[in-house]
N, C-alpha and C. Protein backbone atom coordinates (compact mmCIF):
# COMPACT_ATOMS: atom_id res chain seq x y z
N MET A 1 -4.27 -2.74 -23.53
CA MET A 1 -3.64 -2.40 -22.82
C MET A 1 -3.66 -0.79 -22.77
N PRO A 2 -4.49 -0.23 -21.53
CA PRO A 2 -4.69 0.89 -20.83
C PRO A 2 -3.41 2.39 -21.34
N ALA A 3 -3.47 2.98 -21.14
CA ALA A 3 -2.09 3.60 -21.47
C ALA A 3 -1.40 4.04 -20.18
N ALA A 4 -0.12 4.14 -20.02
CA ALA A 4 0.14 4.26 -19.03
C ALA A 4 0.17 5.31 -18.16
N PRO A 5 0.05 5.27 -16.71
CA PRO A 5 -0.65 6.57 -15.87
C PRO A 5 1.26 7.43 -15.77
N THR A 6 0.71 8.80 -15.56
CA THR A 6 1.35 9.97 -15.34
C THR A 6 1.88 10.98 -14.38
N ALA A 7 2.40 11.90 -13.99
CA ALA A 7 2.48 12.16 -13.35
C ALA A 7 0.90 12.92 -12.58
N LEU A 8 0.22 13.46 -14.27
CA LEU A 8 -0.78 14.43 -14.01
C LEU A 8 -2.29 13.53 -13.73
N ASP A 9 -2.23 11.99 -13.78
CA ASP A 9 -3.37 11.85 -13.32
C ASP A 9 -3.85 12.35 -12.19
N THR A 10 -4.78 12.14 -11.44
CA THR A 10 -5.30 12.08 -10.54
C THR A 10 -5.75 10.88 -9.69
N VAL A 11 -6.04 10.47 -8.82
CA VAL A 11 -6.47 9.46 -7.80
C VAL A 11 -8.16 9.57 -8.62
N THR A 12 -8.73 8.41 -8.39
CA THR A 12 -9.89 8.27 -8.29
C THR A 12 -11.20 8.37 -7.48
N TYR A 13 -10.88 8.76 -6.37
CA TYR A 13 -11.81 9.35 -5.23
C TYR A 13 -11.28 10.06 -4.10
N GLY A 14 -12.46 10.56 -3.38
CA GLY A 14 -12.12 12.27 -3.08
C GLY A 14 -11.25 12.21 -1.62
N ALA A 15 -11.73 11.17 -0.91
CA ALA A 15 -11.26 11.03 0.23
C ALA A 15 -9.41 10.54 0.77
N VAL A 16 -8.95 11.63 0.51
CA VAL A 16 -7.20 11.02 -0.08
C VAL A 16 -6.79 11.23 1.52
N GLY A 17 -6.01 10.33 1.92
CA GLY A 17 -5.41 10.43 2.92
C GLY A 17 -6.85 9.82 4.17
N ALA A 18 -7.83 9.15 4.03
CA ALA A 18 -8.50 8.28 4.85
C ALA A 18 -8.26 7.39 5.81
N THR A 19 -6.83 6.55 4.99
CA THR A 19 -6.22 5.27 5.68
C THR A 19 -6.08 5.81 6.73
N GLN A 20 -5.66 7.01 7.05
CA GLN A 20 -4.80 7.44 8.46
C GLN A 20 -5.62 6.98 9.56
N ALA A 21 -6.90 6.95 9.04
CA ALA A 21 -8.05 7.28 10.44
C ALA A 21 -7.93 6.43 11.17
N PRO A 22 -7.79 5.67 12.44
CA PRO A 22 -7.80 4.35 13.03
C PRO A 22 -9.22 4.31 12.60
N ASP A 23 -10.49 5.14 12.91
CA ASP A 23 -12.03 3.90 12.92
C ASP A 23 -12.94 4.20 11.61
N LEU A 24 -11.64 3.84 10.36
CA LEU A 24 -11.98 3.90 8.71
C LEU A 24 -12.73 2.62 8.97
N VAL A 25 -12.65 1.29 9.59
CA VAL A 25 -13.57 -0.02 9.15
C VAL A 25 -15.27 1.12 9.30
N ALA A 26 -15.14 1.38 10.87
CA ALA A 26 -16.75 1.70 11.48
C ALA A 26 -17.35 2.94 10.70
N PHE A 27 -16.21 3.71 10.12
CA PHE A 27 -16.65 4.67 9.20
C PHE A 27 -16.01 5.45 7.64
N PRO A 28 -16.43 4.34 6.74
CA PRO A 28 -15.32 4.45 5.60
C PRO A 28 -16.36 5.42 4.65
N PRO A 29 -15.32 6.16 4.18
CA PRO A 29 -16.09 6.92 2.99
C PRO A 29 -17.37 6.70 2.57
N ALA A 30 -18.65 7.66 1.90
CA ALA A 30 -19.61 6.91 1.55
C ALA A 30 -19.80 6.09 0.07
N GLY A 31 -20.12 5.08 0.22
CA GLY A 31 -20.45 4.11 -0.74
C GLY A 31 -19.06 3.39 -1.10
N PHE A 32 -18.29 3.34 -0.09
CA PHE A 32 -17.03 2.47 0.07
C PHE A 32 -16.97 1.65 1.49
N VAL A 33 -16.12 0.03 1.68
CA VAL A 33 -15.85 -0.47 1.81
C VAL A 33 -14.68 -0.34 2.81
N GLY A 34 -14.93 -0.11 4.37
CA GLY A 34 -13.32 -0.06 4.71
C GLY A 34 -13.10 -1.26 5.22
N ARG A 35 -11.86 -1.92 5.20
CA ARG A 35 -11.21 -3.02 5.69
C ARG A 35 -9.73 -2.31 6.67
N GLU A 36 -9.63 -3.68 7.21
CA GLU A 36 -8.28 -3.71 8.62
C GLU A 36 -7.78 -4.55 8.65
N ALA A 37 -6.73 -5.24 8.65
CA ALA A 37 -5.86 -6.27 9.34
C ALA A 37 -4.71 -6.23 9.94
N ARG A 38 -4.56 -6.93 11.20
CA ARG A 38 -3.24 -6.27 11.78
C ARG A 38 -2.47 -7.32 12.29
N SER A 39 -1.27 -7.68 12.18
CA SER A 39 -0.36 -9.17 12.96
C SER A 39 0.53 -8.45 13.28
N ARG A 40 1.05 -9.61 14.93
CA ARG A 40 2.49 -8.97 14.95
C ARG A 40 3.50 -9.81 14.57
N ILE A 41 4.28 -9.10 13.63
CA ILE A 41 4.85 -9.99 12.86
C ILE A 41 6.83 -10.37 13.57
N GLY A 42 6.63 -9.83 14.18
CA GLY A 42 7.93 -9.98 15.26
C GLY A 42 8.29 -9.43 16.43
N HIS A 43 9.49 -9.08 16.89
CA HIS A 43 9.68 -8.98 17.93
C HIS A 43 11.69 -8.14 17.66
N GLY A 44 11.66 -6.96 17.69
CA GLY A 44 13.12 -6.20 18.34
C GLY A 44 13.26 -5.66 17.23
N PRO A 45 14.50 -4.91 17.52
CA PRO A 45 15.33 -3.61 16.51
C PRO A 45 15.06 -4.40 15.06
N ARG A 46 15.81 -5.48 14.81
CA ARG A 46 16.09 -5.90 13.43
C ARG A 46 14.76 -6.53 12.91
N ARG A 47 13.77 -6.93 13.53
CA ARG A 47 12.37 -6.95 12.82
C ARG A 47 11.82 -5.25 12.61
N TRP A 48 12.04 -5.01 13.06
CA TRP A 48 11.86 -3.45 12.82
C TRP A 48 12.42 -2.86 11.81
N ALA A 49 13.79 -2.49 11.78
CA ALA A 49 14.38 -2.06 10.56
C ALA A 49 14.08 -3.02 8.94
N PHE A 50 14.01 -4.62 9.37
CA PHE A 50 13.39 -5.05 8.62
C PHE A 50 12.47 -4.84 7.89
N ALA A 51 11.30 -4.59 8.35
CA ALA A 51 9.32 -4.49 7.98
C ALA A 51 9.56 -3.09 7.76
N VAL A 52 10.51 -2.06 8.35
CA VAL A 52 10.34 -0.86 8.06
C VAL A 52 10.95 -0.91 6.05
N GLU A 53 11.95 -1.46 6.16
CA GLU A 53 12.64 -1.51 5.04
C GLU A 53 11.83 -1.87 3.76
N GLN A 54 11.38 -2.86 4.20
CA GLN A 54 10.35 -3.82 3.10
C GLN A 54 8.92 -2.67 2.20
N VAL A 55 8.44 -2.41 3.80
CA VAL A 55 7.61 -1.89 3.75
C VAL A 55 7.18 -0.43 2.55
N MET A 56 8.45 0.45 3.10
CA MET A 56 9.19 1.69 2.35
C MET A 56 9.67 1.45 1.03
N SER A 57 9.66 0.10 0.85
CA SER A 57 10.90 0.11 -0.54
C SER A 57 9.75 -1.18 -2.00
N TRP A 58 8.54 -1.08 -1.12
CA TRP A 58 7.81 -1.56 -1.86
C TRP A 58 8.04 -3.22 -1.65
N GLY A 59 8.70 -3.57 -0.51
CA GLY A 59 8.95 -5.08 -0.43
C GLY A 59 7.76 -6.16 0.05
N VAL A 60 6.87 -5.42 0.57
CA VAL A 60 5.71 -5.84 0.93
C VAL A 60 5.13 -6.58 0.22
N LYS A 61 4.81 -5.61 -0.80
CA LYS A 61 3.94 -6.02 -2.42
C LYS A 61 5.00 -7.03 -3.20
N ARG A 62 6.44 -6.89 -3.36
CA ARG A 62 7.26 -7.58 -4.32
C ARG A 62 7.19 -9.39 -3.42
N ARG A 63 7.00 -9.26 -1.92
CA ARG A 63 6.77 -10.67 -1.17
C ARG A 63 5.92 -11.40 -1.30
N SER A 64 4.46 -10.15 -1.64
CA SER A 64 3.38 -11.54 -1.92
C SER A 64 2.82 -11.44 -3.39
N GLY A 65 3.52 -11.43 -4.08
CA GLY A 65 3.47 -11.72 -5.73
C GLY A 65 3.28 -10.63 -6.40
N PHE A 66 3.37 -9.78 -6.64
CA PHE A 66 3.09 -8.33 -7.57
C PHE A 66 4.75 -8.16 -7.63
N ARG A 67 4.80 -7.31 -8.44
CA ARG A 67 5.67 -6.69 -9.58
C ARG A 67 5.64 -5.17 -9.64
N VAL A 68 6.50 -4.50 -9.36
CA VAL A 68 6.31 -3.35 -8.87
C VAL A 68 6.85 -2.13 -10.24
N VAL A 69 6.45 -1.48 -10.61
CA VAL A 69 7.22 -1.16 -11.86
C VAL A 69 6.36 0.81 -11.44
N THR A 70 7.76 1.38 -11.39
CA THR A 70 8.00 3.08 -11.29
C THR A 70 7.64 3.73 -12.70
N VAL A 71 6.33 4.49 -12.81
CA VAL A 71 6.36 5.47 -14.20
C VAL A 71 6.73 6.90 -13.90
N ALA A 72 6.34 7.29 -12.67
CA ALA A 72 7.11 8.44 -12.83
C ALA A 72 6.83 8.96 -10.97
N SER A 73 7.81 10.05 -11.13
CA SER A 73 7.89 11.12 -9.65
C SER A 73 7.16 11.78 -9.70
N GLU A 74 6.91 12.59 -8.25
CA GLU A 74 6.10 14.09 -8.20
C GLU A 74 7.07 14.66 -9.35
N ALA A 75 6.42 15.96 -9.62
CA ALA A 75 7.21 17.24 -10.28
C ALA A 75 8.06 17.79 -9.88
N GLY A 76 7.56 18.21 -8.55
CA GLY A 76 8.35 19.21 -7.41
C GLY A 76 9.74 18.76 -7.00
N PRO A 77 10.48 19.33 -6.25
CA PRO A 77 11.60 18.91 -5.74
C PRO A 77 11.41 18.09 -4.64
N ARG A 78 12.05 17.05 -5.01
CA ARG A 78 12.57 16.19 -3.77
C ARG A 78 13.34 16.53 -3.03
N ARG A 79 13.43 15.89 -1.30
CA ARG A 79 14.53 16.07 -0.58
C ARG A 79 16.03 15.74 -1.22
N GLU A 80 15.97 14.62 -1.18
CA GLU A 80 16.84 13.65 -1.99
C GLU A 80 16.48 12.37 -1.54
N ARG A 81 16.78 11.57 -2.94
CA ARG A 81 16.79 10.15 -3.16
C ARG A 81 17.19 9.40 -2.28
N VAL A 82 16.28 8.35 -1.47
CA VAL A 82 16.03 7.79 -0.38
C VAL A 82 16.71 5.88 -0.55
N TYR A 83 17.84 5.42 -0.36
CA TYR A 83 17.50 3.51 -1.21
C TYR A 83 17.48 2.73 -0.10
N SER A 84 17.08 1.72 -0.27
CA SER A 84 16.83 0.35 0.93
C SER A 84 18.64 -0.22 0.58
N SER A 85 18.90 -1.34 1.33
CA SER A 85 19.90 -1.75 1.40
C SER A 85 20.14 -2.31 0.07
N ASP A 86 19.00 -2.95 -0.70
CA ASP A 86 19.19 -3.78 -2.08
C ASP A 86 19.20 -2.80 -2.92
N GLY A 87 18.91 -1.57 -2.85
CA GLY A 87 19.24 -0.28 -3.93
C GLY A 87 17.72 -0.03 -4.20
N VAL A 88 16.69 -0.14 -3.76
CA VAL A 88 15.30 -0.05 -4.00
C VAL A 88 14.91 1.75 -3.63
N GLU A 89 14.82 2.46 -4.68
CA GLU A 89 13.90 4.27 -3.92
C GLU A 89 13.05 3.41 -2.81
N LEU A 90 13.21 4.57 -2.01
CA LEU A 90 12.23 3.94 -1.07
C LEU A 90 10.84 4.97 -1.41
N VAL A 91 9.39 4.65 -1.19
CA VAL A 91 8.46 5.69 -1.23
C VAL A 91 8.52 7.36 -1.09
N HIS A 92 7.68 7.68 -2.00
CA HIS A 92 7.87 9.32 -1.66
C HIS A 92 6.45 9.60 -2.11
N PRO A 93 5.97 10.81 -1.66
CA PRO A 93 4.49 10.91 -2.04
C PRO A 93 5.13 11.57 -3.46
N GLY A 94 3.69 11.30 -4.23
CA GLY A 94 4.03 11.51 -5.41
C GLY A 94 4.28 10.82 -6.48
N ASP A 95 5.17 9.36 -5.47
CA ASP A 95 5.31 8.73 -7.01
C ASP A 95 4.79 7.47 -7.44
N THR A 96 4.58 7.81 -8.65
CA THR A 96 3.32 6.84 -9.44
C THR A 96 3.57 5.81 -10.01
N VAL A 97 3.18 4.27 -9.92
CA VAL A 97 3.99 3.28 -9.90
C VAL A 97 2.51 2.31 -10.51
N VAL A 98 2.63 1.26 -11.49
CA VAL A 98 1.76 0.26 -11.55
C VAL A 98 2.33 -1.32 -11.00
N LEU A 99 1.37 -1.61 -10.18
CA LEU A 99 1.78 -3.12 -9.79
C LEU A 99 1.03 -3.95 -10.58
N HIS A 100 1.93 -5.09 -10.52
CA HIS A 100 1.24 -6.14 -11.72
C HIS A 100 1.25 -7.23 -10.94
N PHE A 101 -0.29 -7.92 -10.85
CA PHE A 101 -0.02 -9.13 -10.44
C PHE A 101 -1.58 -9.85 -11.04
N GLY A 102 -0.26 -11.25 -11.62
CA GLY A 102 -0.99 -11.61 -12.75
C GLY A 102 -1.06 -11.17 -14.16
N ARG A 103 -2.34 -11.36 -14.92
CA ARG A 103 -2.30 -10.56 -15.69
C ARG A 103 -2.84 -9.13 -15.78
N ILE A 104 -3.24 -8.32 -14.36
CA ILE A 104 -4.23 -7.20 -13.78
C ILE A 104 -2.78 -6.53 -13.23
N GLU A 105 -3.21 -5.11 -14.09
CA GLU A 105 -2.59 -3.93 -13.42
C GLU A 105 -3.34 -2.80 -12.80
N GLU A 106 -2.12 -2.67 -11.50
CA GLU A 106 -3.02 -1.56 -10.95
C GLU A 106 -2.38 -0.27 -10.74
N PRO A 107 -2.75 0.92 -11.87
CA PRO A 107 -1.71 1.88 -11.53
C PRO A 107 -2.47 2.24 -9.93
N VAL A 108 -1.16 3.08 -9.13
CA VAL A 108 -1.37 3.87 -8.15
C VAL A 108 -0.59 5.24 -7.70
N ARG A 109 -0.78 5.76 -6.81
CA ARG A 109 -0.29 6.84 -6.30
C ARG A 109 0.30 7.12 -5.08
N VAL A 110 1.82 7.16 -4.53
CA VAL A 110 1.92 7.43 -2.83
C VAL A 110 1.28 8.86 -2.91
N VAL A 111 -0.11 9.13 -1.62
CA VAL A 111 -0.32 10.56 -1.98
C VAL A 111 -0.23 10.74 -0.48
N TYR A 112 0.56 9.47 0.52
CA TYR A 112 1.27 9.87 2.01
C TYR A 112 2.28 9.25 2.12
N THR A 113 3.22 9.80 3.44
CA THR A 113 4.03 8.55 3.89
C THR A 113 4.48 9.13 5.47
N ILE A 114 4.47 8.15 6.11
CA ILE A 114 4.15 8.22 7.83
C ILE A 114 6.41 7.95 8.63
N ASP A 115 6.10 9.24 8.71
CA ASP A 115 7.70 9.11 9.30
C ASP A 115 7.58 9.24 11.14
N GLU A 116 7.16 8.12 11.45
CA GLU A 116 7.79 8.90 12.91
C GLU A 116 8.19 7.74 13.63
N PRO A 117 9.07 8.07 14.96
CA PRO A 117 10.20 7.19 15.75
C PRO A 117 9.21 6.10 15.88
N ARG A 118 8.22 5.56 16.01
CA ARG A 118 7.63 3.92 16.21
C ARG A 118 6.87 3.90 15.57
N ARG A 119 6.65 4.35 14.39
CA ARG A 119 5.52 3.91 13.02
C ARG A 119 6.02 4.44 11.84
N ARG A 120 6.12 3.62 10.49
CA ARG A 120 6.64 3.94 9.35
C ARG A 120 5.63 4.05 8.57
N GLY A 121 5.24 3.87 7.34
CA GLY A 121 4.47 3.85 6.53
C GLY A 121 4.12 3.96 5.69
N PHE A 122 3.22 4.49 4.63
CA PHE A 122 2.70 5.10 3.45
C PHE A 122 1.56 4.41 2.87
N GLY A 123 0.64 5.28 2.09
CA GLY A 123 -0.67 5.29 1.30
C GLY A 123 -0.93 5.03 0.40
N TYR A 124 -1.01 4.29 -0.42
CA TYR A 124 -1.11 4.94 -2.34
C TYR A 124 -2.68 4.57 -2.47
N GLY A 125 -3.18 6.12 -3.47
CA GLY A 125 -4.25 5.90 -4.34
C GLY A 125 -5.13 5.46 -5.42
N THR A 126 -5.57 4.81 -5.67
CA THR A 126 -5.80 4.30 -7.32
C THR A 126 -5.80 5.28 -8.09
N LEU A 127 -5.24 5.28 -9.43
CA LEU A 127 -5.56 5.70 -10.34
C LEU A 127 -6.65 5.92 -11.66
N PRO A 128 -6.50 5.68 -12.89
CA PRO A 128 -7.70 5.28 -13.60
C PRO A 128 -6.45 3.80 -14.05
N GLY A 129 -7.82 3.03 -14.31
CA GLY A 129 -7.19 1.71 -15.12
C GLY A 129 -7.38 0.68 -13.94
N HIS A 130 -7.10 1.05 -13.06
CA HIS A 130 -7.06 0.31 -11.06
C HIS A 130 -8.58 -0.79 -11.23
N PRO A 131 -8.74 -1.99 -10.71
CA PRO A 131 -9.94 -2.56 -10.99
C PRO A 131 -10.91 -1.77 -9.84
N LEU A 132 -10.23 -1.18 -8.58
CA LEU A 132 -10.63 -0.96 -7.47
C LEU A 132 -10.57 1.09 -8.06
N ARG A 133 -11.53 1.06 -6.40
CA ARG A 133 -11.42 2.90 -6.33
C ARG A 133 -10.96 3.09 -5.16
N GLY A 134 -10.21 3.70 -4.49
CA GLY A 134 -9.69 3.45 -3.15
C GLY A 134 -8.80 3.99 -2.67
N GLU A 135 -8.12 3.29 -1.36
CA GLU A 135 -6.80 3.95 -1.25
C GLU A 135 -6.31 2.24 0.39
N GLU A 136 -5.13 2.31 0.08
CA GLU A 136 -4.63 1.14 0.70
C GLU A 136 -3.51 1.78 1.48
N CYS A 137 -3.25 1.45 3.02
CA CYS A 137 -2.17 2.09 3.39
C CYS A 137 -1.45 0.74 4.55
N PHE A 138 0.09 1.32 4.10
CA PHE A 138 1.01 -0.46 5.13
C PHE A 138 1.65 0.75 6.17
N GLU A 139 1.45 -0.08 7.36
CA GLU A 139 1.73 0.32 8.62
C GLU A 139 2.50 -0.36 9.70
N VAL A 140 3.93 -0.37 9.46
CA VAL A 140 4.58 -0.69 10.68
C VAL A 140 4.85 0.26 12.08
N GLU A 141 4.36 -0.27 12.89
CA GLU A 141 4.61 -0.05 14.29
C GLU A 141 5.30 -0.53 15.08
N TYR A 142 6.53 -0.03 16.16
CA TYR A 142 7.56 -0.85 17.15
C TYR A 142 7.13 -0.17 18.60
N ARG A 143 6.27 -1.55 19.44
CA ARG A 143 5.42 -1.32 20.73
C ARG A 143 6.44 -0.72 21.60
N ASP A 144 5.92 -0.70 22.62
CA ASP A 144 6.55 -0.50 23.50
C ASP A 144 7.68 -1.55 24.19
N ASP A 145 6.59 -3.05 23.96
CA ASP A 145 7.79 -4.46 24.68
C ASP A 145 7.87 -4.70 23.58
N GLY A 146 8.62 -3.80 22.38
CA GLY A 146 9.68 -4.73 21.71
C GLY A 146 8.46 -5.28 20.34
N SER A 147 7.28 -5.33 20.38
CA SER A 147 6.66 -5.83 19.24
C SER A 147 6.62 -5.33 18.05
N VAL A 148 6.64 -6.11 17.15
CA VAL A 148 6.25 -4.99 15.62
C VAL A 148 5.08 -5.87 15.00
N TRP A 149 4.48 -4.46 14.75
CA TRP A 149 3.11 -5.17 14.04
C TRP A 149 2.87 -4.56 12.68
N LEU A 150 2.24 -5.40 11.63
CA LEU A 150 1.86 -4.62 10.62
C LEU A 150 0.79 -4.56 10.51
N THR A 151 -0.18 -3.56 10.08
CA THR A 151 -1.36 -2.45 9.98
C THR A 151 -1.72 -2.34 8.51
N VAL A 152 -2.60 -3.56 7.79
CA VAL A 152 -3.17 -2.94 5.99
C VAL A 152 -4.29 -1.94 6.72
N ARG A 153 -4.74 -0.84 5.96
CA ARG A 153 -5.94 -0.33 6.08
C ARG A 153 -6.47 0.00 4.60
N SER A 154 -7.96 -0.25 4.48
CA SER A 154 -8.46 0.16 2.66
C SER A 154 -9.56 0.50 3.18
N PHE A 155 -9.80 1.49 2.08
CA PHE A 155 -11.12 1.35 1.96
C PHE A 155 -11.22 1.32 -0.18
N SER A 156 -12.46 0.49 -0.58
CA SER A 156 -12.27 0.29 -2.14
C SER A 156 -13.71 0.58 -2.07
N ARG A 157 -14.03 0.24 -3.51
CA ARG A 157 -15.11 0.38 -4.20
C ARG A 157 -14.94 -0.09 -5.59
N PRO A 158 -15.59 -1.08 -6.41
CA PRO A 158 -15.39 -1.36 -7.53
C PRO A 158 -15.32 -0.38 -8.78
N SER A 159 -14.40 -0.16 -9.32
CA SER A 159 -14.04 0.84 -10.60
C SER A 159 -15.03 1.09 -11.40
N THR A 160 -15.73 0.07 -12.22
CA THR A 160 -16.71 0.41 -13.25
C THR A 160 -17.54 -0.59 -13.61
N GLY A 161 -18.61 -0.83 -13.85
CA GLY A 161 -19.53 -1.93 -13.92
C GLY A 161 -18.98 -3.17 -14.31
N THR A 162 -17.83 -3.49 -14.78
CA THR A 162 -17.32 -4.86 -15.04
C THR A 162 -16.87 -5.26 -13.75
N TRP A 163 -16.31 -4.52 -13.27
CA TRP A 163 -15.47 -4.67 -11.59
C TRP A 163 -17.01 -4.95 -10.94
N GLU A 164 -17.57 -4.58 -10.67
CA GLU A 164 -18.57 -4.49 -9.93
C GLU A 164 -19.75 -6.20 -10.03
N ALA A 165 -19.60 -6.53 -10.77
CA ALA A 165 -20.09 -7.92 -11.27
C ALA A 165 -19.33 -8.40 -10.78
N ALA A 166 -17.85 -8.50 -10.73
CA ALA A 166 -16.78 -9.40 -9.71
C ALA A 166 -16.79 -9.21 -8.93
N ARG A 167 -17.70 -8.18 -8.11
CA ARG A 167 -17.71 -7.62 -6.93
C ARG A 167 -17.39 -9.00 -5.46
N PRO A 168 -17.98 -9.59 -5.80
CA PRO A 168 -18.00 -11.27 -4.64
C PRO A 168 -16.30 -11.50 -5.13
N LEU A 169 -15.89 -11.51 -6.05
CA LEU A 169 -14.35 -12.68 -6.43
C LEU A 169 -13.25 -11.43 -6.00
N LEU A 170 -13.79 -9.96 -5.95
CA LEU A 170 -12.42 -8.83 -5.64
C LEU A 170 -12.44 -9.08 -3.86
N ARG A 171 -13.58 -8.64 -3.77
CA ARG A 171 -13.31 -9.18 -2.01
C ARG A 171 -12.25 -10.63 -1.41
N ILE A 172 -12.73 -11.51 -2.19
CA ILE A 172 -11.71 -12.80 -1.45
C ILE A 172 -10.58 -12.78 -2.15
N ALA A 173 -10.38 -11.70 -3.03
CA ALA A 173 -9.18 -11.75 -3.89
C ALA A 173 -8.36 -10.37 -2.64
N GLN A 174 -9.39 -10.16 -2.29
CA GLN A 174 -8.24 -8.46 -0.98
C GLN A 174 -8.24 -9.64 0.14
N TRP A 175 -8.86 -10.58 0.44
CA TRP A 175 -8.66 -10.85 1.92
C TRP A 175 -7.32 -11.99 1.57
N VAL A 176 -7.38 -12.68 0.64
CA VAL A 176 -6.50 -13.68 0.21
C VAL A 176 -4.49 -12.41 0.45
N VAL A 177 -4.75 -11.78 -0.37
CA VAL A 177 -3.66 -10.60 -0.30
C VAL A 177 -3.37 -9.70 0.96
N THR A 178 -4.10 -9.62 1.29
CA THR A 178 -3.97 -8.63 2.37
C THR A 178 -3.15 -10.08 3.77
N ARG A 179 -3.57 -11.09 3.41
CA ARG A 179 -3.24 -12.04 4.04
C ARG A 179 -1.63 -12.23 4.34
N ARG A 180 -1.23 -12.67 2.35
CA ARG A 180 0.33 -12.58 1.90
C ARG A 180 0.94 -11.99 2.57
N TYR A 181 0.46 -9.94 2.93
CA TYR A 181 1.61 -9.08 3.14
C TYR A 181 1.46 -9.38 4.60
N LEU A 182 0.66 -9.37 5.70
CA LEU A 182 1.17 -10.23 7.20
C LEU A 182 1.42 -11.58 7.08
N ARG A 183 1.74 -12.38 6.18
CA ARG A 183 2.88 -13.26 6.30
C ARG A 183 4.25 -13.14 5.90
N SER A 184 4.21 -12.26 4.68
CA SER A 184 5.34 -11.63 4.42
C SER A 184 6.33 -11.16 4.95
N LEU A 185 5.56 -10.55 6.11
CA LEU A 185 7.37 -9.98 6.68
C LEU A 185 7.34 -10.49 7.93
N ALA A 186 6.44 -11.46 8.33
CA ALA A 186 6.41 -12.51 9.51
C ALA A 186 7.40 -13.56 9.63
N GLN A 187 8.37 -13.54 8.32
CA GLN A 187 8.62 -14.61 7.22
C GLN A 187 10.28 -14.36 8.23
N PRO A 188 11.15 -15.67 8.14
CA PRO A 188 12.65 -15.34 8.95
C PRO A 188 13.49 -14.21 8.16
N ILE A 189 14.29 -13.42 8.64
CA ILE A 189 15.42 -12.64 8.29
C ILE A 189 16.10 -13.23 7.79
N GLY A 190 16.51 -12.95 6.05
CA GLY A 190 17.61 -13.41 5.82
C GLY A 190 18.85 -13.11 6.24
């Protein structure tokens, strides 16, 4: 079992923040494959509030079959800790977590957040021990017509030769998991 990531580990790629670029799929960082999936997940302020809370508290990952374990937070001062309605701390740049999907562990770090009136989300980057190198972003948008959209944008490549041999399976797994993300926030609100 690999050592747990720490706040001192660095991300495993150079283009930090590149998932914020709307043209990422057409122009990914050299050597990486860009992906984007977008779906209308509902309508109105109640759906917007639900989706934002789920994205900003890792709920989109949990609802898609991941277990999320926070291992470290940014070493510097934080403004104030903010929690979701079910008591989960909201993401903050510098948070280091391990995402567990079955037997696979994915160490990641939150590299940025989006906090605009009609757009919220965050991006995380991979740390040593992750099967991939790259970044993934979850962005919720509340449009003028009242519709609520989720965008999942990423760029990645296998992290090691072993994972390179599994590249076709990794791409299929990414597609399946991305579809889970989109469906997880479109379900009825409880």
